[in-house]
Amino acid sequence: MHERVDSGGRESRGKVRLAYSLALRSLQLGLSGKADVVEFHKTDDGSWRPFPVEHKRGKPKKQNYDRVQLCAQAMCLEEMLQCSIPAGALFYGKTRRRQDVDFDEDLRAEVRQTAMCLHELIESGLSPPPVNDTRCRNCSLADLCLPKTAGKKRSVNTYLMRELAS
């Protein structure tokens, strides 16, 4: 699903220009990354308004994770392009539908709070323990994180005994 959005290419569709895998950064938030797709919509005054679109494999979630990620991308774009971005969209592969997301002040505050927590975590030098829940099933980092092993509160002794017995 991400093959085209990871291509880094560009295309035009009438009054919409699409940029794939666009590099982003915010000095204020201390974040950098890539947006899957940024649509640039031509406005009546001839300028181009950015509209970020994040692609997800699964379906919409109850938690705010995807909306926070998308809003963070918009805030990076706003800082980079000195513009205002009121909304974006999440595209879910499982439902094949786009879900519009308004970037209200509550969501923006959550992005700022999340970025601050991220920097505190990095400064602490500690990695939080994995939780080994349903999010782990499709996670690309599961082989590095080892949630089945490290996510449970077990002693090293118990782990070694179990491994030696098998």
Protein backbone atom coordinates (compact mmCIF):
# COMPACT_ATOMS: atom_id res chain seq x y z
CA MET A 1 0.00 0.00 0.00
CA HIS A 2 2.85 2.39 0.74
CA GLU A 3 4.76 1.73 -2.48
CA ARG A 4 3.53 4.86 -4.28
CA VAL A 5 3.51 7.11 -1.22
CA ASP A 6 7.09 6.07 -0.37
CA SER A 7 8.28 6.81 -3.92
CA GLY A 8 9.11 10.47 -3.30
CA GLY A 9 7.50 11.34 -6.62
CA ARG A 10 5.12 14.09 -7.64
CA GLU A 11 2.05 14.31 -9.83
CA SER A 12 -0.64 16.79 -10.83
CA ARG A 13 -4.40 16.28 -11.07
CA GLY A 14 -6.07 19.46 -12.27
CA LYS A 15 -5.99 21.99 -9.44
CA VAL A 16 -4.27 19.53 -7.08
CA ARG A 17 -0.56 18.75 -6.96
CA LEU A 18 0.60 15.74 -4.97
CA ALA A 19 3.99 15.32 -3.31
CA TYR A 20 4.82 11.84 -2.00
CA SER A 21 7.16 11.06 0.91
CA LEU A 22 7.75 14.74 1.65
CA ALA A 23 10.43 15.48 4.27
CA LEU A 24 9.16 17.51 7.23
CA ARG A 25 10.66 19.25 10.24
CA SER A 26 9.68 21.59 13.04
CA LEU A 27 12.30 23.39 15.10
CA GLN A 28 9.62 24.50 17.56
CA LEU A 29 8.40 20.95 18.21
CA GLY A 30 11.81 19.34 17.72
CA LEU A 31 10.37 16.85 15.23
CA SER A 32 11.36 15.59 11.79
CA GLY A 33 9.92 12.92 9.54
CA LYS A 34 8.10 12.31 6.29
CA ALA A 35 4.53 12.85 5.20
CA ASP A 36 3.09 10.05 3.08
CA VAL A 37 1.28 12.52 0.78
CA VAL A 38 0.81 16.26 0.79
CA GLU A 39 -1.83 17.53 -1.60
CA PHE A 40 -1.43 21.15 -2.64
CA HIS A 41 -4.82 22.63 -3.58
CA LYS A 42 -4.88 25.74 -5.77
CA THR A 43 -6.90 28.51 -4.11
CA ASP A 44 -8.88 31.31 -5.73
CA ASP A 45 -6.04 33.78 -5.13
CA GLY A 46 -3.60 31.52 -7.04
CA SER A 47 -1.70 30.22 -4.01
CA TRP A 48 -1.37 26.54 -3.04
CA ARG A 49 -2.82 25.29 0.28
CA PRO A 50 -1.15 22.15 1.72
CA PHE A 51 -3.39 19.27 2.82
CA PRO A 52 -1.52 16.31 4.42
CA VAL A 53 -2.85 12.78 3.87
CA GLU A 54 -1.49 9.93 6.01
CA HIS A 55 -1.94 6.35 4.76
CA LYS A 56 -2.60 3.58 7.29
CA ARG A 57 -2.91 -0.15 6.55
CA GLY A 58 -5.64 -0.95 9.03
CA LYS A 59 -8.88 0.70 10.04
CA PRO A 60 -9.70 3.80 12.11
CA LYS A 61 -8.72 3.54 15.77
CA LYS A 62 -10.50 4.70 18.92
CA GLN A 63 -7.25 6.20 20.20
CA ASN A 64 -6.00 9.53 18.90
CA TYR A 65 -2.58 8.26 17.66
CA ASP A 66 -3.22 8.67 13.94
CA ARG A 67 -4.82 12.11 14.30
CA VAL A 68 -1.92 13.31 16.47
CA GLN A 69 0.60 12.09 13.87
CA LEU A 70 -1.28 13.82 11.05
CA CYS A 71 -1.64 17.07 13.00
CA ALA A 72 2.09 16.99 13.83
CA GLN A 73 2.79 16.74 10.10
CA ALA A 74 0.54 19.75 9.48
CA MET A 75 2.27 21.75 12.22
CA CYS A 76 5.65 20.95 10.65
CA LEU A 77 4.37 22.09 7.25
CA GLU A 78 2.93 25.27 8.76
CA GLU A 79 6.31 26.17 10.23
CA MET A 80 8.20 25.25 7.06
CA LEU A 81 5.86 27.03 4.64
CA GLN A 82 4.67 29.86 6.91
CA CYS A 83 1.01 29.09 6.29
CA SER A 84 -2.08 27.84 8.11
CA ILE A 85 -3.38 24.30 7.60
CA PRO A 86 -6.84 23.77 9.10
CA ALA A 87 -7.35 20.11 8.11
CA GLY A 88 -5.93 16.94 6.59
CA ALA A 89 -7.05 13.36 6.03
CA LEU A 90 -6.30 9.80 7.11
CA PHE A 91 -6.66 7.10 4.47
CA TYR A 92 -7.27 3.62 5.86
CA GLY A 93 -6.38 0.66 3.61
CA LYS A 94 -8.77 -1.75 5.28
CA THR A 95 -11.84 0.44 4.70
CA ARG A 96 -10.46 2.13 1.55
CA ARG A 97 -11.89 5.40 2.89
CA ARG A 98 -10.53 8.80 3.77
CA GLN A 99 -11.37 10.34 7.11
CA ASP A 100 -11.10 14.12 7.31
CA VAL A 101 -9.41 15.52 10.42
CA ASP A 102 -9.79 19.11 11.64
CA PHE A 103 -6.72 20.48 13.40
CA ASP A 104 -8.45 22.19 16.32
CA GLU A 105 -6.63 23.68 19.33
CA ASP A 106 -7.21 20.56 21.48
CA LEU A 107 -5.49 18.33 18.91
CA ARG A 108 -2.64 20.83 18.48
CA ALA A 109 -2.16 20.94 22.26
CA GLU A 110 -1.99 17.13 22.30
CA VAL A 111 0.72 17.25 19.61
CA ARG A 112 2.75 19.77 21.65
CA GLN A 113 2.32 17.67 24.82
CA THR A 114 3.30 14.46 23.01
CA ALA A 115 6.41 16.10 21.51
CA MET A 116 7.40 17.38 24.96
CA CYS A 117 6.96 13.89 26.48
CA LEU A 118 9.03 12.41 23.64
CA HIS A 119 11.92 14.78 24.36
CA GLU A 120 11.73 14.06 28.10
CA LEU A 121 11.83 10.33 27.37
CA ILE A 122 14.86 10.72 25.08
CA GLU A 123 16.66 12.89 27.67
CA SER A 124 16.02 10.28 30.38
CA GLY A 125 17.88 7.64 28.35
CA LEU A 126 15.28 5.03 29.34
CA SER A 127 13.09 2.99 27.02
CA PRO A 128 9.61 2.26 28.26
CA PRO A 129 8.83 -1.46 28.53
CA PRO A 130 6.72 -2.93 25.73
CA VAL A 131 3.10 -3.61 26.60
CA ASN A 132 2.46 -6.60 24.29
CA ASP A 133 -1.07 -5.77 23.22
CA THR A 134 -2.95 -5.89 19.91
CA ARG A 135 -0.87 -3.01 18.50
CA CYS A 136 2.17 -5.32 18.46
CA ARG A 137 0.73 -7.71 15.86
CA ASN A 138 1.34 -5.43 12.87
CA CYS A 139 4.23 -3.40 14.26
CA SER A 140 7.35 -3.26 12.10
CA LEU A 141 9.53 -3.00 15.23
CA ALA A 142 8.23 -6.14 17.00
CA ASP A 143 11.41 -8.10 16.18
CA LEU A 144 13.53 -5.43 17.86
CA CYS A 145 11.19 -4.71 20.76
CA LEU A 146 10.42 -8.36 21.61
CA PRO A 147 7.11 -7.57 23.35
CA LYS A 148 6.34 -11.24 24.11
CA THR A 149 9.58 -11.58 26.02
CA ALA A 150 10.20 -8.16 27.53
CA GLY A 151 6.58 -7.07 27.90
CA LYS A 152 5.69 -9.41 30.74
CA LYS A 153 6.82 -8.90 34.29
CA ARG A 154 8.97 -11.99 34.60
CA SER A 155 12.32 -12.52 36.16
CA VAL A 156 15.34 -13.38 34.04
CA ASN A 157 15.54 -16.61 36.01
CA THR A 158 12.04 -17.68 34.94
CA TYR A 159 12.81 -16.85 31.32
CA LEU A 160 16.09 -18.78 31.29
CA MET A 161 14.51 -21.82 32.99
CA ARG A 162 11.70 -21.88 30.44
CA GLU A 163 14.14 -21.59 27.55
CA LEU A 164 16.41 -24.32 28.90
CA ALA A 165 13.45 -26.67 29.37
CA SER A 166 12.40 -26.42 25.71
